[in-house]
PDB file of N, CA and C in Angstrom:
ATOM      1  N   SER A   1       9.068  71.431 -60.863  1.00  0.00           N
ATOM      2  CA  SER A   1       9.727  72.343 -61.777  1.00  0.00           C
ATOM      3  C   SER A   1      10.733  73.204 -61.011  1.00  0.00           C
ATOM      4  N   ARG A   2      11.806  73.509 -61.668  1.00  0.00           N
ATOM      5  CA  ARG A   2      12.846  74.344 -61.051  1.00  0.00           C
ATOM      6  C   ARG A   2      12.757  75.789 -61.537  1.00  0.00           C
ATOM      7  N   LEU A   3      11.669  76.104 -62.189  1.00  0.00           N
ATOM      8  CA  LEU A   3      11.501  77.449 -62.726  1.00  0.00           C
ATOM      9  C   LEU A   3      11.547  78.532 -61.647  1.00  0.00           C
ATOM     10  N   PRO A   4      10.856  78.366 -60.517  1.00  0.00           N
ATOM     11  CA  PRO A   4      10.966  79.399 -59.474  1.00  0.00           C
ATOM     12  C   PRO A   4      12.402  79.620 -58.996  1.00  0.00           C
ATOM     13  N   GLU A   5      13.188  78.547 -58.889  1.00  0.00           N
ATOM     14  CA  GLU A   5      14.600  78.688 -58.501  1.00  0.00           C
ATOM     15  C   GLU A   5      15.368  79.480 -59.553  1.00  0.00           C
ATOM     16  N   SER A   6      15.092  79.181 -60.823  1.00  0.00           N
ATOM     17  CA  SER A   6      15.765  79.897 -61.909  1.00  0.00           C
ATOM     18  C   SER A   6      15.431  81.381 -61.881  1.00  0.00           C
ATOM     19  N   ILE A   7      14.173  81.686 -61.609  1.00  0.00           N
ATOM     20  CA  ILE A   7      13.761  83.092 -61.527  1.00  0.00           C
ATOM     21  C   ILE A   7      14.496  83.785 -60.389  1.00  0.00           C
ATOM     22  N   GLU A   8      14.567  83.130 -59.247  1.00  0.00           N
ATOM     23  CA  GLU A   8      15.271  83.722 -58.100  1.00  0.00           C
ATOM     24  C   GLU A   8      16.743  83.972 -58.424  1.00  0.00           C
ATOM     25  N   LYS A   9      17.393  83.025 -59.097  1.00  0.00           N
ATOM     26  CA  LYS A   9      18.795  83.232 -59.486  1.00  0.00           C
ATOM     27  C   LYS A   9      18.922  84.393 -60.460  1.00  0.00           C
ATOM     28  N   GLY A  10      17.979  84.480 -61.399  1.00  0.00           N
ATOM     29  CA  GLY A  10      17.985  85.597 -62.342  1.00  0.00           C
ATOM     30  C   GLY A  10      17.811  86.929 -61.640  1.00  0.00           C
ATOM     31  N   LEU A  11      16.917  86.969 -60.662  1.00  0.00           N
ATOM     32  CA  LEU A  11      16.708  88.196 -59.889  1.00  0.00           C
ATOM     33  C   LEU A  11      17.960  88.569 -59.099  1.00  0.00           C
ATOM     34  N   ASP A  12      18.648  87.552 -58.560  1.00  0.00           N
ATOM     35  CA  ASP A  12      19.903  87.802 -57.840  1.00  0.00           C
ATOM     36  C   ASP A  12      20.958  88.405 -58.766  1.00  0.00           C
ATOM     37  N   ILE A  13      21.089  87.832 -59.945  1.00  0.00           N
ATOM     38  CA  ILE A  13      22.087  88.316 -60.907  1.00  0.00           C
ATOM     39  C   ILE A  13      21.769  89.747 -61.325  1.00  0.00           C
ATOM     40  N   LEU A  14      20.505  90.003 -61.621  1.00  0.00           N
ATOM     41  CA  LEU A  14      20.109  91.362 -62.003  1.00  0.00           C
ATOM     42  C   LEU A  14      20.370  92.357 -60.877  1.00  0.00           C
ATOM     43  N   ALA A  15      20.114  91.960 -59.644  1.00  0.00           N
ATOM     44  CA  ALA A  15      20.385  92.846 -58.506  1.00  0.00           C
ATOM     45  C   ALA A  15      21.875  93.178 -58.438  1.00  0.00           C
ATOM     46  N   LYS A  16      22.727  92.194 -58.722  1.00  0.00           N
ATOM     47  CA  LYS A  16      24.173  92.447 -58.721  1.00  0.00           C
ATOM     48  C   LYS A  16      24.574  93.394 -59.844  1.00  0.00           C
ATOM     49  N   LEU A  17      23.769  93.425 -60.902  1.00  0.00           N
ATOM     50  CA  LEU A  17      24.031  94.332 -62.017  1.00  0.00           C
ATOM     51  C   LEU A  17      23.367  95.697 -61.804  1.00  0.00           C
ATOM     52  N   GLY A  18      22.741  95.876 -60.636  1.00  0.00           N
ATOM     53  CA  GLY A  18      22.142  97.160 -60.306  1.00  0.00           C
ATOM     54  C   GLY A  18      20.676  97.300 -60.678  1.00  0.00           C
ATOM     55  N   ILE A  19      20.024  96.193 -61.013  1.00  0.00           N
ATOM     56  CA  ILE A  19      18.614  96.230 -61.390  1.00  0.00           C
ATOM     57  C   ILE A  19      17.826  95.400 -60.385  1.00  0.00           C
ATOM     58  N   GLU A  20      17.132  96.090 -59.508  1.00  0.00           N
ATOM     59  CA  GLU A  20      16.374  95.409 -58.450  1.00  0.00           C
ATOM     60  C   GLU A  20      14.915  95.278 -58.864  1.00  0.00           C
ATOM     61  N   LEU A  21      14.457  94.055 -58.992  1.00  0.00           N
ATOM     62  CA  LEU A  21      13.071  93.800 -59.389  1.00  0.00           C
ATOM     63  C   LEU A  21      12.221  93.252 -58.251  1.00  0.00           C
ATOM     64  N   ARG A  22      12.829  92.842 -57.189  1.00  0.00           N
ATOM     65  CA  ARG A  22      12.056  92.305 -56.068  1.00  0.00           C
ATOM     66  C   ARG A  22      11.210  93.410 -55.446  1.00  0.00           C
ATOM     67  N   GLY A  23       9.974  93.049 -55.117  1.00  0.00           N
ATOM     68  CA  GLY A  23       9.087  94.018 -54.489  1.00  0.00           C
ATOM     69  C   GLY A  23       8.425  94.963 -55.477  1.00  0.00           C
ATOM     70  N   HIS A  24       8.600  94.713 -56.762  1.00  0.00           N
ATOM     71  CA  HIS A  24       8.010  95.583 -57.786  1.00  0.00           C
ATOM     72  C   HIS A  24       6.946  94.854 -58.580  1.00  0.00           C
ATOM     73  N   GLU A  25       6.125  94.124 -57.911  1.00  0.00           N
ATOM     74  CA  GLU A  25       5.067  93.390 -58.598  1.00  0.00           C
ATOM     75  C   GLU A  25       3.841  94.291 -58.717  1.00  0.00           C
ATOM     76  N   SER A  26       3.939  95.266 -59.611  1.00  0.00           N
ATOM     77  CA  SER A  26       2.908  96.284 -59.787  1.00  0.00           C
ATOM     78  C   SER A  26       1.671  95.719 -60.468  1.00  0.00           C
ATOM     79  N   ASN A  27       0.575  96.415 -60.261  1.00  0.00           N
ATOM     80  CA  ASN A  27      -0.636  96.167 -61.000  1.00  0.00           C
ATOM     81  C   ASN A  27      -0.342  96.384 -62.478  1.00  0.00           C
ATOM     82  N   LEU A  28      -0.854  95.518 -63.336  1.00  0.00           N
ATOM     83  CA  LEU A  28      -0.576  95.600 -64.769  1.00  0.00           C
ATOM     84  C   LEU A  28      -0.958  96.957 -65.341  1.00  0.00           C
ATOM     85  N   ARG A  29      -2.127  97.433 -65.008  1.00  0.00           N
ATOM     86  CA  ARG A  29      -2.604  98.710 -65.556  1.00  0.00           C
ATOM     87  C   ARG A  29      -1.682  99.866 -65.141  1.00  0.00           C
ATOM     88  N   VAL A  30      -1.231  99.872 -63.895  1.00  0.00           N
ATOM     89  CA  VAL A  30      -0.329 100.917 -63.397  1.00  0.00           C
ATOM     90  C   VAL A  30       1.008 100.837 -64.131  1.00  0.00           C
ATOM     91  N   CYS A  31       1.523  99.648 -64.262  1.00  0.00           N
ATOM     92  CA  CYS A  31       2.817  99.454 -64.916  1.00  0.00           C
ATOM     93  C   CYS A  31       2.759  99.904 -66.384  1.00  0.00           C
ATOM     94  N   VAL A  32       1.686  99.560 -67.073  1.00  0.00           N
ATOM     95  CA  VAL A  32       1.524  99.966 -68.470  1.00  0.00           C
ATOM     96  C   VAL A  32       1.441 101.489 -68.568  1.00  0.00           C
ATOM     97  N   GLN A  33       0.683 102.116 -67.685  1.00  0.00           N
ATOM     98  CA  GLN A  33       0.545 103.572 -67.727  1.00  0.00           C
ATOM     99  C   GLN A  33       1.885 104.258 -67.446  1.00  0.00           C
ATOM    100  N   GLU A  34       2.633 103.754 -66.482  1.00  0.00           N
ATOM    101  CA  GLU A  34       3.955 104.332 -66.190  1.00  0.00           C
ATOM    102  C   GLU A  34       4.875 104.222 -67.403  1.00  0.00           C
ATOM    103  N   THR A  35       4.813 103.099 -68.093  1.00  0.00           N
ATOM    104  CA  THR A  35       5.666 102.903 -69.270  1.00  0.00           C
ATOM    105  C   THR A  35       5.224 103.818 -70.403  1.00  0.00           C
ATOM    106  N   LYS A  36       3.927 103.944 -70.609  1.00  0.00           N
ATOM    107  CA  LYS A  36       3.424 104.870 -71.632  1.00  0.00           C
ATOM    108  C   LYS A  36       3.834 106.302 -71.307  1.00  0.00           C
ATOM    109  N   ASP A  37       3.788 106.663 -70.024  1.00  0.00           N
ATOM    110  CA  ASP A  37       4.214 108.006 -69.617  1.00  0.00           C
ATOM    111  C   ASP A  37       5.694 108.224 -69.920  1.00  0.00           C
ATOM    112  N   LEU A  38       6.504 107.219 -69.650  1.00  0.00           N
ATOM    113  CA  LEU A  38       7.941 107.298 -69.946  1.00  0.00           C
ATOM    114  C   LEU A  38       8.158 107.548 -71.439  1.00  0.00           C
ATOM    115  N   LEU A  39       7.419 106.833 -72.262  1.00  0.00           N
ATOM    116  CA  LEU A  39       7.607 106.931 -73.709  1.00  0.00           C
ATOM    117  C   LEU A  39       6.965 108.181 -74.310  1.00  0.00           C
ATOM    118  N   SER A  40       6.034 108.794 -73.595  1.00  0.00           N
ATOM    119  CA  SER A  40       5.274 109.921 -74.152  1.00  0.00           C
ATOM    120  C   SER A  40       6.121 111.156 -74.450  1.00  0.00           C
ATOM    121  N   VAL A  41       7.284 111.247 -73.840  1.00  0.00           N
ATOM    122  CA  VAL A  41       8.139 112.419 -74.082  1.00  0.00           C
ATOM    123  C   VAL A  41       9.021 112.248 -75.322  1.00  0.00           C
ATOM    124  N   TYR A  42       8.920 111.090 -75.968  1.00  0.00           N
ATOM    125  CA  TYR A  42       9.711 110.806 -77.171  1.00  0.00           C
ATOM    126  C   TYR A  42       8.794 110.679 -78.377  1.00  0.00           C
ATOM    127  N   THR A  43       9.271 111.185 -79.512  1.00  0.00           N
ATOM    128  CA  THR A  43       8.530 110.960 -80.754  1.00  0.00           C
ATOM    129  C   THR A  43       8.837 109.544 -81.238  1.00  0.00           C
ATOM    130  N   ASP A  44       8.028 109.078 -82.156  1.00  0.00           N
ATOM    131  CA  ASP A  44       8.290 107.755 -82.740  1.00  0.00           C
ATOM    132  C   ASP A  44       9.668 107.714 -83.384  1.00  0.00           C
ATOM    133  N   ASP A  45      10.021 108.795 -84.093  1.00  0.00           N
ATOM    134  CA  ASP A  45      11.340 108.844 -84.743  1.00  0.00           C
ATOM    135  C   ASP A  45      12.471 108.788 -83.724  1.00  0.00           C
ATOM    136  N   GLU A  46      12.301 109.470 -82.604  1.00  0.00           N
ATOM    137  CA  GLU A  46      13.339 109.439 -81.570  1.00  0.00           C
ATOM    138  C   GLU A  46      13.508 108.021 -81.017  1.00  0.00           C
ATOM    139  N   ILE A  47      12.408 107.346 -80.786  1.00  0.00           N
ATOM    140  CA  ILE A  47      12.486 105.968 -80.274  1.00  0.00           C
ATOM    141  C   ILE A  47      13.129 105.057 -81.314  1.00  0.00           C
ATOM    142  N   LEU A  48      12.713 105.200 -82.560  1.00  0.00           N
ATOM    143  CA  LEU A  48      13.255 104.344 -83.625  1.00  0.00           C
ATOM    144  C   LEU A  48      14.744 104.589 -83.882  1.00  0.00           C
ATOM    145  N   ASN A  49      15.221 105.773 -83.513  1.00  0.00           N
ATOM    146  CA  ASN A  49      16.619 106.123 -83.774  1.00  0.00           C
ATOM    147  C   ASN A  49      17.493 106.129 -82.529  1.00  0.00           C
ATOM    148  N   ILE A  50      17.026 105.503 -81.456  1.00  0.00           N
ATOM    149  CA  ILE A  50      17.864 105.386 -80.262  1.00  0.00           C
ATOM    150  C   ILE A  50      19.086 104.552 -80.625  1.00  0.00           C
ATOM    151  N   ARG A  51      20.216 104.996 -80.133  1.00  0.00           N
ATOM    152  CA  ARG A  51      21.481 104.322 -80.447  1.00  0.00           C
ATOM    153  C   ARG A  51      21.453 102.856 -79.990  1.00  0.00           C
ATOM    154  N   GLN A  52      22.416 102.112 -80.459  1.00  0.00           N
ATOM    155  CA  GLN A  52      22.558 100.714 -80.045  1.00  0.00           C
ATOM    156  C   GLN A  52      23.221 100.655 -78.672  1.00  0.00           C
ATOM    157  N   MET A  53      22.804  99.722 -77.864  1.00  0.00           N
ATOM    158  CA  MET A  53      23.383  99.539 -76.536  1.00  0.00           C
ATOM    159  C   MET A  53      24.818  99.030 -76.693  1.00  0.00           C
ATOM    160  N   THR A  54      25.744  99.693 -76.005  1.00  0.00           N
ATOM    161  CA  THR A  54      27.148  99.293 -76.098  1.00  0.00           C
ATOM    162  C   THR A  54      27.737  98.876 -74.755  1.00  0.00           C
ATOM    163  N   ASP A  55      27.109  99.261 -73.672  1.00  0.00           N
ATOM    164  CA  ASP A  55      27.598  98.919 -72.336  1.00  0.00           C
ATOM    165  C   ASP A  55      27.449  97.415 -72.118  1.00  0.00           C
ATOM    166  N   PRO A  56      28.563  96.699 -71.938  1.00  0.00           N
ATOM    167  CA  PRO A  56      28.476  95.235 -71.794  1.00  0.00           C
ATOM    168  C   PRO A  56      27.665  94.794 -70.570  1.00  0.00           C
ATOM    169  N   THR A  57      27.692  95.579 -69.503  1.00  0.00           N
ATOM    170  CA  THR A  57      26.912  95.226 -68.309  1.00  0.00           C
ATOM    171  C   THR A  57      25.418  95.336 -68.597  1.00  0.00           C
ATOM    172  N   MET A  58      25.021  96.405 -69.261  1.00  0.00           N
ATOM    173  CA  MET A  58      23.607  96.572 -69.597  1.00  0.00           C
ATOM    174  C   MET A  58      23.163  95.548 -70.636  1.00  0.00           C
ATOM    175  N   THR A  59      24.048  95.215 -71.562  1.00  0.00           N
ATOM    176  CA  THR A  59      23.721  94.192 -72.560  1.00  0.00           C
ATOM    177  C   THR A  59      23.457  92.858 -71.872  1.00  0.00           C
ATOM    178  N   LYS A  60      24.287  92.517 -70.924  1.00  0.00           N
ATOM    179  CA  LYS A  60      24.104  91.266 -70.166  1.00  0.00           C
ATOM    180  C   LYS A  60      22.820  91.336 -69.342  1.00  0.00           C
ATOM    181  N   ALA A  61      22.564  92.480 -68.732  1.00  0.00           N
ATOM    182  CA  ALA A  61      21.329  92.649 -67.954  1.00  0.00           C
ATOM    183  C   ALA A  61      20.105  92.457 -68.844  1.00  0.00           C
ATOM    184  N   MET A  62      20.157  92.993 -70.035  1.00  0.00           N
ATOM    185  CA  MET A  62      19.033  92.843 -70.963  1.00  0.00           C
ATOM    186  C   MET A  62      18.833  91.376 -71.347  1.00  0.00           C
ATOM    187  N   GLN A  63      19.917  90.648 -71.520  1.00  0.00           N
ATOM    188  CA  GLN A  63      19.786  89.220 -71.830  1.00  0.00           C
ATOM    189  C   GLN A  63      19.063  88.497 -70.695  1.00  0.00           C
ATOM    190  N   PHE A  64      19.440  88.797 -69.472  1.00  0.00           N
ATOM    191  CA  PHE A  64      18.779  88.177 -68.320  1.00  0.00           C
ATOM    192  C   PHE A  64      17.311  88.615 -68.237  1.00  0.00           C
ATOM    193  N   LEU A  65      17.047  89.885 -68.499  1.00  0.00           N
ATOM    194  CA  LEU A  65      15.667  90.368 -68.461  1.00  0.00           C
ATOM    195  C   LEU A  65      14.810  89.662 -69.515  1.00  0.00           C
ATOM    196  N   GLY A  66      15.368  89.451 -70.700  1.00  0.00           N
ATOM    197  CA  GLY A  66      14.632  88.752 -71.750  1.00  0.00           C
ATOM    198  C   GLY A  66      14.264  87.340 -71.337  1.00  0.00           C
ATOM    199  N   LYS A  67      15.197  86.637 -70.725  1.00  0.00           N
ATOM    200  CA  LYS A  67      14.916  85.276 -70.254  1.00  0.00           C
ATOM    201  C   LYS A  67      13.947  85.294 -69.076  1.00  0.00           C
ATOM    202  N   LEU A  68      14.143  86.259 -68.199  1.00  0.00           N
ATOM    203  CA  LEU A  68      13.277  86.361 -67.028  1.00  0.00           C
ATOM    204  C   LEU A  68      11.842  86.686 -67.431  1.00  0.00           C
ATOM    205  N   GLU A  69      11.685  87.492 -68.456  1.00  0.00           N
ATOM    206  CA  GLU A  69      10.345  87.866 -68.899  1.00  0.00           C
ATOM    207  C   GLU A  69       9.543  86.642 -69.323  1.00  0.00           C
ATOM    208  N   VAL A  70      10.174  85.738 -70.043  1.00  0.00           N
ATOM    209  CA  VAL A  70       9.494  84.518 -70.470  1.00  0.00           C
ATOM    210  C   VAL A  70       9.130  83.667 -69.255  1.00  0.00           C
ATOM    211  N   MET A  71      10.065  83.492 -68.338  1.00  0.00           N
ATOM    212  CA  MET A  71       9.802  82.673 -67.154  1.00  0.00           C
ATOM    213  C   MET A  71       8.745  83.308 -66.259  1.00  0.00           C
ATOM    214  N   ALA A  72       8.818  84.621 -66.080  1.00  0.00           N
ATOM    215  CA  ALA A  72       7.869  85.312 -65.199  1.00  0.00           C
ATOM    216  C   ALA A  72       6.454  85.235 -65.761  1.00  0.00           C
ATOM    217  N   SER A  73       6.328  85.268 -67.070  1.00  0.00           N
ATOM    218  CA  SER A  73       4.987  85.209 -67.662  1.00  0.00           C
ATOM    219  C   SER A  73       4.297  83.900 -67.319  1.00  0.00           C
ATOM    220  N   GLN A  74       5.068  82.855 -67.063  1.00  0.00           N
ATOM    221  CA  GLN A  74       4.507  81.545 -66.773  1.00  0.00           C
ATOM    222  C   GLN A  74       4.280  81.303 -65.288  1.00  0.00           C
ATOM    223  N   THR A  75       5.145  81.829 -64.442  1.00  0.00           N
ATOM    224  CA  THR A  75       5.063  81.470 -63.024  1.00  0.00           C
ATOM    225  C   THR A  75       4.859  82.653 -62.073  1.00  0.00           C
ATOM    226  N   MET A  76       5.194  83.852 -62.502  1.00  0.00           N
ATOM    227  CA  MET A  76       5.042  85.041 -61.647  1.00  0.00           C
ATOM    228  C   MET A  76       4.420  86.161 -62.481  1.00  0.00           C
ATOM    229  N   PRO A  77       3.153  86.018 -62.846  1.00  0.00           N
ATOM    230  CA  PRO A  77       2.548  86.982 -63.766  1.00  0.00           C
ATOM    231  C   PRO A  77       2.542  88.428 -63.267  1.00  0.00           C
ATOM    232  N   LYS A  78       2.589  88.649 -61.961  1.00  0.00           N
ATOM    233  CA  LYS A  78       2.624  90.027 -61.458  1.00  0.00           C
ATOM    234  C   LYS A  78       3.988  90.673 -61.685  1.00  0.00           C
ATOM    235  N   LEU A  79       5.023  89.872 -61.839  1.00  0.00           N
ATOM    236  CA  LEU A  79       6.359  90.392 -62.110  1.00  0.00           C
ATOM    237  C   LEU A  79       6.541  90.700 -63.599  1.00  0.00           C
ATOM    238  N   PHE A  80       5.828  89.976 -64.444  1.00  0.00           N
ATOM    239  CA  PHE A  80       5.961  90.067 -65.893  1.00  0.00           C
ATOM    240  C   PHE A  80       5.899  91.506 -66.429  1.00  0.00           C
ATOM    241  N   PRO A  81       4.871  92.310 -66.093  1.00  0.00           N
ATOM    242  CA  PRO A  81       4.843  93.667 -66.658  1.00  0.00           C
ATOM    243  C   PRO A  81       5.985  94.553 -66.164  1.00  0.00           C
ATOM    244  N   HIS A  82       6.466  94.293 -64.957  1.00  0.00           N
ATOM    245  CA  HIS A  82       7.572  95.107 -64.455  1.00  0.00           C
ATOM    246  C   HIS A  82       8.875  94.768 -65.199  1.00  0.00           C
ATOM    247  N   VAL A  83       9.041  93.518 -65.551  1.00  0.00           N
ATOM    248  CA  VAL A  83      10.218  93.137 -66.345  1.00  0.00           C
ATOM    249  C   VAL A  83      10.145  93.832 -67.704  1.00  0.00           C
ATOM    250  N   THR A  84       8.955  93.822 -68.302  1.00  0.00           N
ATOM    251  CA  THR A  84       8.754  94.515 -69.577  1.00  0.00           C
ATOM    252  C   THR A  84       9.096  95.992 -69.438  1.00  0.00           C
ATOM    253  N   GLN A  85       8.631  96.602 -68.365  1.00  0.00           N
ATOM    254  CA  GLN A  85       8.902  98.014 -68.109  1.00  0.00           C
ATOM    255  C   GLN A  85      10.410  98.270 -68.000  1.00  0.00           C
ATOM    256  N   GLN A  86      11.117  97.387 -67.317  1.00  0.00           N
ATOM    257  CA  GLN A  86      12.571  97.549 -67.164  1.00  0.00           C
ATOM    258  C   GLN A  86      13.286  97.431 -68.508  1.00  0.00           C
ATOM    259  N   ILE A  87      12.842  96.504 -69.339  1.00  0.00           N
ATOM    260  CA  ILE A  87      13.456  96.350 -70.667  1.00  0.00           C
ATOM    261  C   ILE A  87      13.325  97.656 -71.445  1.00  0.00           C
ATOM    262  N   ILE A  88      12.142  98.233 -71.431  1.00  0.00           N
ATOM    263  CA  ILE A  88      11.918  99.478 -72.170  1.00  0.00           C
ATOM    264  C   ILE A  88      12.697 100.628 -71.542  1.00  0.00           C
ATOM    265  N   HIS A  89      12.687 100.712 -70.231  1.00  0.00           N
ATOM    266  CA  HIS A  89      13.413 101.776 -69.531  1.00  0.00           C
ATOM    267  C   HIS A  89      14.914 101.722 -69.847  1.00  0.00           C
ATOM    268  N   LEU A  90      15.496 100.548 -69.752  1.00  0.00           N
ATOM    269  CA  LEU A  90      16.930 100.412 -70.049  1.00  0.00           C
ATOM    270  C   LEU A  90      17.222 100.688 -71.518  1.00  0.00           C
ATOM    271  N   SER A  91      16.303 100.321 -72.395  1.00  0.00           N
ATOM    272  CA  SER A  91      16.484 100.591 -73.822  1.00  0.00           C
ATOM    273  C   SER A  91      16.521 102.087 -74.090  1.00  0.00           C
ATOM    274  N   ILE A  92      15.647 102.822 -73.424  1.00  0.00           N
ATOM    275  CA  ILE A  92      15.616 104.278 -73.596  1.00  0.00           C
ATOM    276  C   ILE A  92      16.886 104.916 -73.023  1.00  0.00           C
ATOM    277  N   LEU A  93      17.307 104.456 -71.853  1.00  0.00           N
ATOM    278  CA  LEU A  93      18.467 105.061 -71.186  1.00  0.00           C
ATOM    279  C   LEU A  93      19.814 104.664 -71.777  1.00  0.00           C
ATOM    280  N   HIS A  94      19.953 103.392 -72.138  1.00  0.00           N
ATOM    281  CA  HIS A  94      21.265 102.866 -72.517  1.00  0.00           C
ATOM    282  C   HIS A  94      21.374 102.425 -73.967  1.00  0.00           C
ATOM    283  N   GLY A  95      20.288 102.479 -74.702  1.00  0.00           N
ATOM    284  CA  GLY A  95      20.320 102.082 -76.098  1.00  0.00           C
ATOM    285  C   GLY A  95      19.565 100.778 -76.335  1.00  0.00           C
ATOM    286  N   MET A  96      19.265 100.552 -77.593  1.00  0.00           N
ATOM    287  CA  MET A  96      18.505  99.358 -77.975  1.00  0.00           C
ATOM    288  C   MET A  96      19.417  98.136 -78.066  1.00  0.00           C
ATOM    289  N   SER A  97      18.865  97.013 -77.656  1.00  0.00           N
ATOM    290  CA  SER A  97      19.581  95.748 -77.740  1.00  0.00           C
ATOM    291  C   SER A  97      18.679  94.755 -78.469  1.00  0.00           C
ATOM    292  N   PRO A  98      19.175  93.563 -78.758  1.00  0.00           N
ATOM    293  CA  PRO A  98      18.307  92.560 -79.389  1.00  0.00           C
ATOM    294  C   PRO A  98      17.085  92.195 -78.542  1.00  0.00           C
ATOM    295  N   VAL A  99      17.116  92.477 -77.250  1.00  0.00           N
ATOM    296  CA  VAL A  99      15.979  92.167 -76.364  1.00  0.00           C
ATOM    297  C   VAL A  99      14.938  93.287 -76.388  1.00  0.00           C
ATOM    298  N   SER A 100      15.324  94.492 -76.769  1.00  0.00           N
ATOM    299  CA  SER A 100      14.420  95.642 -76.721  1.00  0.00           C
ATOM    300  C   SER A 100      13.090  95.406 -77.428  1.00  0.00           C
ATOM    301  N   PRO A 101      13.085  94.868 -78.648  1.00  0.00           N
ATOM    302  CA  PRO A 101      11.794  94.667 -79.322  1.00  0.00           C
ATOM    303  C   PRO A 101      10.830  93.772 -78.543  1.00  0.00           C
ATOM    304  N   ILE A 102      11.348  92.838 -77.787  1.00  0.00           N
ATOM    305  CA  ILE A 102      10.494  91.951 -76.995  1.00  0.00           C
ATOM    306  C   ILE A 102       9.707  92.781 -75.981  1.00  0.00           C
ATOM    307  N   GLY A 103      10.375  93.725 -75.334  1.00  0.00           N
ATOM    308  CA  GLY A 103       9.697  94.589 -74.376  1.00  0.00           C
ATOM    309  C   GLY A 103       8.603  95.417 -75.027  1.00  0.00           C
ATOM    310  N   PHE A 104       8.897  95.977 -76.204  1.00  0.00           N
ATOM    311  CA  PHE A 104       7.900  96.794 -76.888  1.00  0.00           C
ATOM    312  C   PHE A 104       6.716  95.957 -77.366  1.00  0.00           C
ATOM    313  N   VAL A 105       6.983  94.748 -77.822  1.00  0.00           N
ATOM    314  CA  VAL A 105       5.893  93.861 -78.253  1.00  0.00           C
ATOM    315  C   VAL A 105       4.985  93.518 -77.076  1.00  0.00           C
ATOM    316  N   HIS A 106       5.581  93.206 -75.930  1.00  0.00           N
ATOM    317  CA  HIS A 106       4.758  92.888 -74.773  1.00  0.00           C
ATOM    318  C   HIS A 106       3.978  94.108 -74.296  1.00  0.00           C
ATOM    319  N   LEU A 107       4.597  95.290 -74.340  1.00  0.00           N
ATOM    320  CA  LEU A 107       3.862  96.502 -73.983  1.00  0.00           C
ATOM    321  C   LEU A 107       2.650  96.656 -74.899  1.00  0.00           C
ATOM    322  N   GLY A 108       2.846  96.466 -76.187  1.00  0.00           N
ATOM    323  CA  GLY A 108       1.736  96.564 -77.137  1.00  0.00           C
ATOM    324  C   GLY A 108       0.630  95.563 -76.830  1.00  0.00           C
ATOM    325  N   SER A 109       1.010  94.360 -76.446  1.00  0.00           N
ATOM    326  CA  SER A 109      -0.012  93.349 -76.131  1.00  0.00           C
ATOM    327  C   SER A 109      -0.769  93.725 -74.861  1.00  0.00           C
ATOM    328  N   PHE A 110      -0.086  94.311 -73.889  1.00  0.00           N
ATOM    329  CA  PHE A 110      -0.768  94.756 -72.668  1.00  0.00           C
ATOM    330  C   PHE A 110      -1.773  95.866 -72.993  1.00  0.00           C
ATOM    331  N   ILE A 111      -1.359  96.814 -73.833  1.00  0.00           N
ATOM    332  CA  ILE A 111      -2.234  97.927 -74.210  1.00  0.00           C
ATOM    333  C   ILE A 111      -3.473  97.385 -74.933  1.00  0.00           C
ATOM    334  N   ALA A 112      -3.252  96.470 -75.858  1.00  0.00           N
ATOM    335  CA  ALA A 112      -4.369  95.869 -76.587  1.00  0.00           C
ATOM    336  C   ALA A 112      -5.291  95.093 -75.653  1.00  0.00           C
ATOM    337  N   LYS A 113      -4.712  94.460 -74.658  1.00  0.00           N
ATOM    338  CA  LYS A 113      -5.509  93.697 -73.686  1.00  0.00           C
ATOM    339  C   LYS A 113      -6.531  94.589 -72.980  1.00  0.00           C
ATOM    340  N   PHE A 114      -6.196  95.863 -72.823  1.00  0.00           N
ATOM    341  CA  PHE A 114      -7.111  96.806 -72.180  1.00  0.00           C
ATOM    342  C   PHE A 114      -8.090  97.434 -73.167  1.00  0.00           C
ATOM    343  N   GLY A 115      -8.106  96.928 -74.390  1.00  0.00           N
ATOM    344  CA  GLY A 115      -9.096  97.369 -75.370  1.00  0.00           C
ATOM    345  C   GLY A 115      -8.619  98.381 -76.375  1.00  0.00           C
ATOM    346  N   ASP A 116      -7.394  98.868 -76.256  1.00  0.00           N
ATOM    347  CA  ASP A 116      -6.865  99.845 -77.208  1.00  0.00           C
ATOM    348  C   ASP A 116      -6.026  99.099 -78.243  1.00  0.00           C
ATOM    349  N   ILE A 117      -6.706  98.510 -79.204  1.00  0.00           N
ATOM    350  CA  ILE A 117      -6.034  97.690 -80.212  1.00  0.00           C
ATOM    351  C   ILE A 117      -5.068  98.529 -81.043  1.00  0.00           C
ATOM    352  N   SER A 118      -5.515  99.704 -81.517  1.00  0.00           N
ATOM    353  CA  SER A 118      -4.628 100.528 -82.341  1.00  0.00           C
ATOM    354  C   SER A 118      -3.433 101.018 -81.525  1.00  0.00           C
ATOM    355  N   GLY A 119      -3.637 101.328 -80.242  1.00  0.00           N
ATOM    356  CA  GLY A 119      -2.529 101.719 -79.376  1.00  0.00           C
ATOM    357  C   GLY A 119      -1.544 100.585 -79.183  1.00  0.00           C
ATOM    358  N   GLY A 120      -2.063  99.371 -79.116  1.00  0.00           N
ATOM    359  CA  GLY A 120      -1.201  98.207 -78.994  1.00  0.00           C
ATOM    360  C   GLY A 120      -0.354  97.990 -80.226  1.00  0.00           C
ATOM    361  N   TYR A 121      -0.966  98.209 -81.403  1.00  0.00           N
ATOM    362  CA  TYR A 121      -0.221  98.062 -82.665  1.00  0.00           C
ATOM    363  C   TYR A 121       0.889  99.105 -82.781  1.00  0.00           C
ATOM    364  N   HIS A 122       0.728 100.210 -82.082  1.00  0.00           N
ATOM    365  CA  HIS A 122       1.716 101.290 -82.150  1.00  0.00           C
ATOM    366  C   HIS A 122       3.115 100.790 -81.779  1.00  0.00           C
ATOM    367  N   TYR A 123       3.139  99.855 -80.833  1.00  0.00           N
ATOM    368  CA  TYR A 123       4.441  99.350 -80.373  1.00  0.00           C
ATOM    369  C   TYR A 123       4.749  98.023 -80.994  1.00  0.00           C
TER     370      TYR A 123
END
């Protein structure tokens, strides 16, 4: 399979766009908690009303992150939650994109995986 090569190319492209994911293979529980902490300062209404992403560089980065998230879930599971975290972080900072909901859905599934089903449904 050429999937590992594709992931490496995706990581290279993201690094050129200013998003470095190498070396960030965090523990799932830590990554989920950091993301929940990031979101805790926003109300649900604030998150739902975040502007649309307009920066073409960030839009392209989000497209790569969306593809990378699928590939990482299959071959680099320790990278997977960090990609999800980056999708949510960029969505909060730069606006929502078509990839943003994917990050929130995966965050919800991670939360549910730890036994908080209602917390998982929140996202």
